[in-house]
C-alpha atoms as a PDB file:
ATOM      1  CA  GLY A   1     -66.966  22.871 -41.652  1.00  0.00           C
ATOM      2  CA  ILE A   2     -69.944  21.426 -43.394  1.00  0.00           C
ATOM      3  CA  SER A   3     -69.746  21.601 -47.165  1.00  0.00           C
ATOM      4  CA  ILE A   4     -72.588  22.899 -49.305  1.00  0.00           C
ATOM      5  CA  ILE A   5     -74.457  20.494 -51.544  1.00  0.00           C
ATOM      6  CA  GLU A   6     -73.128  20.848 -55.080  1.00  0.00           C
ATOM      7  CA  LYS A   7     -75.039  20.620 -58.342  1.00  0.00           C
ATOM      8  CA  PHE A   8     -74.036  17.387 -60.085  1.00  0.00           C
ATOM      9  CA  ASP A   9     -74.096  16.548 -63.776  1.00  0.00           C
ATOM     10  CA  GLY A  10     -72.935  12.933 -64.060  1.00  0.00           C
ATOM     11  CA  SER A  11     -73.917   9.745 -65.808  1.00  0.00           C
ATOM     12  CA  SER A  12     -77.398   8.276 -65.557  1.00  0.00           C
ATOM     13  CA  THR A  13     -78.239   5.233 -63.463  1.00  0.00           C
ATOM     14  CA  THR A  14     -81.122   2.788 -63.166  1.00  0.00           C
ATOM     15  CA  GLY A  15     -83.078   1.940 -60.025  1.00  0.00           C
ATOM     16  CA  LEU A  16     -85.727  -0.707 -59.466  1.00  0.00           C
ATOM     17  CA  ILE A  17     -88.625   1.474 -60.636  1.00  0.00           C
ATOM     18  CA  SER A  18     -87.073   4.080 -62.925  1.00  0.00           C
ATOM     19  CA  ARG A  19     -84.028   5.397 -64.781  1.00  0.00           C
ATOM     20  CA  TYR A  20     -82.470   8.592 -63.439  1.00  0.00           C
ATOM     21  CA  GLY A  21     -80.548  11.167 -65.451  1.00  0.00           C
ATOM     22  CA  GLY A  22     -77.140  12.357 -64.331  1.00  0.00           C
ATOM     23  CA  GLY A  23     -78.411  15.660 -62.917  1.00  0.00           C
ATOM     24  CA  GLY A  24     -79.037  16.262 -59.254  1.00  0.00           C
ATOM     25  CA  TYR A  25     -77.186  17.209 -56.109  1.00  0.00           C
ATOM     26  CA  ILE A  26     -74.318  15.557 -54.281  1.00  0.00           C
ATOM     27  CA  GLN A  27     -73.125  15.760 -50.682  1.00  0.00           C
ATOM     28  CA  ASP A  28     -69.694  14.317 -49.892  1.00  0.00           C
ATOM     29  CA  LEU A  29     -69.694  13.169 -46.292  1.00  0.00           C
ATOM     30  CA  SER A  30     -66.657  13.593 -44.078  1.00  0.00           C
ATOM     31  CA  ILE A  31     -64.546  10.614 -43.088  1.00  0.00           C
ATOM     32  CA  SER A  32     -65.061  11.153 -39.361  1.00  0.00           C
ATOM     33  CA  TYR A  33     -68.257   9.812 -37.827  1.00  0.00           C
ATOM     34  CA  GLU A  34     -68.932  13.003 -35.866  1.00  0.00           C
ATOM     35  CA  ASN A  35     -68.620  15.311 -38.894  1.00  0.00           C
ATOM     36  CA  ALA A  36     -70.617  12.998 -41.169  1.00  0.00           C
ATOM     37  CA  THR A  37     -73.385  12.808 -38.553  1.00  0.00           C
ATOM     38  CA  ALA A  38     -73.462  16.617 -38.311  1.00  0.00           C
ATOM     39  CA  GLU A  39     -73.673  16.888 -42.118  1.00  0.00           C
ATOM     40  CA  ILE A  40     -76.580  14.429 -42.267  1.00  0.00           C
ATOM     41  CA  GLU A  41     -78.371  16.287 -39.450  1.00  0.00           C
ATOM     42  CA  GLU A  42     -77.959  19.570 -41.346  1.00  0.00           C
ATOM     43  CA  LEU A  43     -79.423  17.989 -44.481  1.00  0.00           C
ATOM     44  CA  GLU A  44     -82.388  16.745 -42.444  1.00  0.00           C
ATOM     45  CA  GLU A  45     -82.932  20.154 -40.790  1.00  0.00           C
ATOM     46  CA  ASN A  46     -82.937  21.875 -44.187  1.00  0.00           C
ATOM     47  CA  LEU A  47     -85.509  19.390 -45.567  1.00  0.00           C
ATOM     48  CA  TRP A  48     -83.085  17.982 -48.145  1.00  0.00           C
ATOM     49  CA  ILE A  49     -85.523  15.132 -48.816  1.00  0.00           C
ATOM     50  CA  ASP A  50     -88.965  16.529 -49.650  1.00  0.00           C
ATOM     51  CA  ARG A  51     -92.029  15.696 -51.773  1.00  0.00           C
ATOM     52  CA  GLY A  52     -90.058  16.399 -54.944  1.00  0.00           C
ATOM     53  CA  THR A  53     -87.311  13.898 -54.119  1.00  0.00           C
ATOM     54  CA  ARG A  54     -87.454  10.829 -56.357  1.00  0.00           C
ATOM     55  CA  VAL A  55     -84.260   8.980 -55.391  1.00  0.00           C
ATOM     56  CA  VAL A  56     -81.370   9.054 -52.914  1.00  0.00           C
ATOM     57  CA  PHE A  57     -78.119   7.151 -53.551  1.00  0.00           C
ATOM     58  CA  LEU A  58     -75.538   6.427 -50.882  1.00  0.00           C
ATOM     59  CA  ASP A  59     -72.283   5.240 -52.480  1.00  0.00           C
ATOM     60  CA  PHE A  60     -69.194   4.180 -50.571  1.00  0.00           C
ATOM     61  CA  THR A  61     -66.253   1.795 -50.739  1.00  0.00           C
ATOM     62  CA  VAL A  62     -64.785  -0.362 -47.983  1.00  0.00           C
ATOM     63  CA  TYR A  63     -61.437  -2.167 -47.985  1.00  0.00           C
ATOM     64  CA  ASN A  64     -60.425  -5.372 -46.209  1.00  0.00           C
ATOM     65  CA  ALA A  65     -56.608  -5.367 -45.994  1.00  0.00           C
ATOM     66  CA  ASN A  66     -56.480  -8.955 -44.661  1.00  0.00           C
ATOM     67  CA  ILE A  67     -57.734 -10.373 -47.955  1.00  0.00           C
ATOM     68  CA  ASN A  68     -56.972  -7.377 -50.243  1.00  0.00           C
ATOM     69  CA  LEU A  69     -60.611  -6.842 -51.277  1.00  0.00           C
ATOM     70  CA  PHE A  70     -62.446  -3.623 -52.062  1.00  0.00           C
ATOM     71  CA  CYS A  71     -66.230  -3.613 -51.958  1.00  0.00           C
ATOM     72  CA  GLN A  72     -68.093  -0.817 -53.693  1.00  0.00           C
ATOM     73  CA  ILE A  73     -71.574  -0.408 -52.209  1.00  0.00           C
ATOM     74  CA  LYS A  74     -74.563   1.513 -53.555  1.00  0.00           C
ATOM     75  CA  LEU A  75     -77.624   1.841 -51.330  1.00  0.00           C
ATOM     76  CA  THR A  76     -80.647   3.304 -53.091  1.00  0.00           C
ATOM     77  CA  VAL A  77     -84.033   4.516 -51.899  1.00  0.00           C
ATOM     78  CA  GLU A  78     -86.548   5.468 -54.578  1.00  0.00           C
ATOM     79  CA  PHE A  79     -89.612   7.545 -53.800  1.00  0.00           C
ATOM     80  CA  PRO A  80     -92.342   6.868 -56.390  1.00  0.00           C
ATOM     81  CA  ALA A  81     -94.912   9.595 -57.098  1.00  0.00           C
ATOM     82  CA  SER A  82     -97.587   7.266 -55.693  1.00  0.00           C
ATOM     83  CA  GLY A  83     -95.895   7.406 -52.269  1.00  0.00           C
ATOM     84  CA  GLY A  84     -93.765   5.124 -50.152  1.00  0.00           C
ATOM     85  CA  ALA A  85     -90.103   4.196 -50.455  1.00  0.00           C
ATOM     86  CA  VAL A  86     -88.435   1.403 -52.431  1.00  0.00           C
ATOM     87  CA  PRO A  87     -85.001   0.424 -51.074  1.00  0.00           C
ATOM     88  CA  SER A  88     -82.390  -1.559 -52.997  1.00  0.00           C
ATOM     89  CA  LYS A  89     -78.712  -2.437 -52.741  1.00  0.00           C
ATOM     90  CA  GLN A  90     -75.821  -3.232 -55.048  1.00  0.00           C
ATOM     91  CA  PHE A  91     -72.415  -4.706 -54.113  1.00  0.00           C
ATOM     92  CA  SER A  92     -69.371  -4.996 -56.343  1.00  0.00           C
ATOM     93  CA  THR A  93     -66.285  -6.714 -54.923  1.00  0.00           C
ATOM     94  CA  VAL A  94     -62.865  -6.312 -56.519  1.00  0.00           C
ATOM     95  CA  LYS A  95     -59.474  -7.789 -55.685  1.00  0.00           C
ATOM     96  CA  LEU A  96     -56.695  -5.547 -56.900  1.00  0.00           C
ATOM     97  CA  ILE A  97     -53.504  -7.151 -58.118  1.00  0.00           C
ATOM     98  CA  ARG A  98     -50.233  -5.623 -56.968  1.00  0.00           C
ATOM     99  CA  VAL A  99     -48.082  -4.682 -59.932  1.00  0.00           C
ATOM    100  CA  CYS A 100     -44.343  -4.122 -59.585  1.00  0.00           C
ATOM    101  CA  ILE A 101     -42.520  -2.467 -62.450  1.00  0.00           C
ATOM    102  CA  THR A 102     -38.747  -2.566 -62.445  1.00  0.00           C
ATOM    103  CA  LYS A 103     -36.378  -0.764 -64.765  1.00  0.00           C
ATOM    104  CA  GLN A 104     -34.465  -3.181 -66.946  1.00  0.00           C
ATOM    105  CA  ARG A 105     -30.714  -2.570 -66.696  1.00  0.00           C
ATOM    106  CA  THR A 106     -28.630  -1.978 -69.774  1.00  0.00           C
ATOM    107  CA  LYS A 107     -25.458  -3.995 -70.352  1.00  0.00           C
ATOM    108  CA  ASN A 108     -23.289  -1.079 -69.175  1.00  0.00           C
ATOM    109  CA  GLU A 109     -25.315  -0.671 -65.938  1.00  0.00           C
ATOM    110  CA  SER A 110     -25.070  -4.416 -65.192  1.00  0.00           C
ATOM    111  CA  ASN A 111     -21.256  -4.392 -65.419  1.00  0.00           C
ATOM    112  CA  ARG A 112     -20.822  -1.199 -63.399  1.00  0.00           C
ATOM    113  CA  ILE A 113     -19.458  -1.454 -59.845  1.00  0.00           C
ATOM    114  CA  ASP A 114     -20.886   1.093 -57.414  1.00  0.00           C
END
């Protein structure tokens, strides 16, 4: 089913026109397109964005397995009190290094025949 928006108390972040405290509400969208679309439609029907809304963040991460890159994306729309909408974007790309940890054998384990 569709999850309820939860009250969020996280770290603050800065937009183009203002700094926003960590308070607010969060909606985790489903992985499937159909469910995520239904969740967004429910938010729209319940007037989730109204005159009191000052900012909306859409954060997500994508992974390209061919080149082992993650890209963390933050799309932001700020709604100044004077009206209008101010969109912005932020991309952060990271290549993770594969780490292999092996147990070092003791002298007795090295000489043992299994």
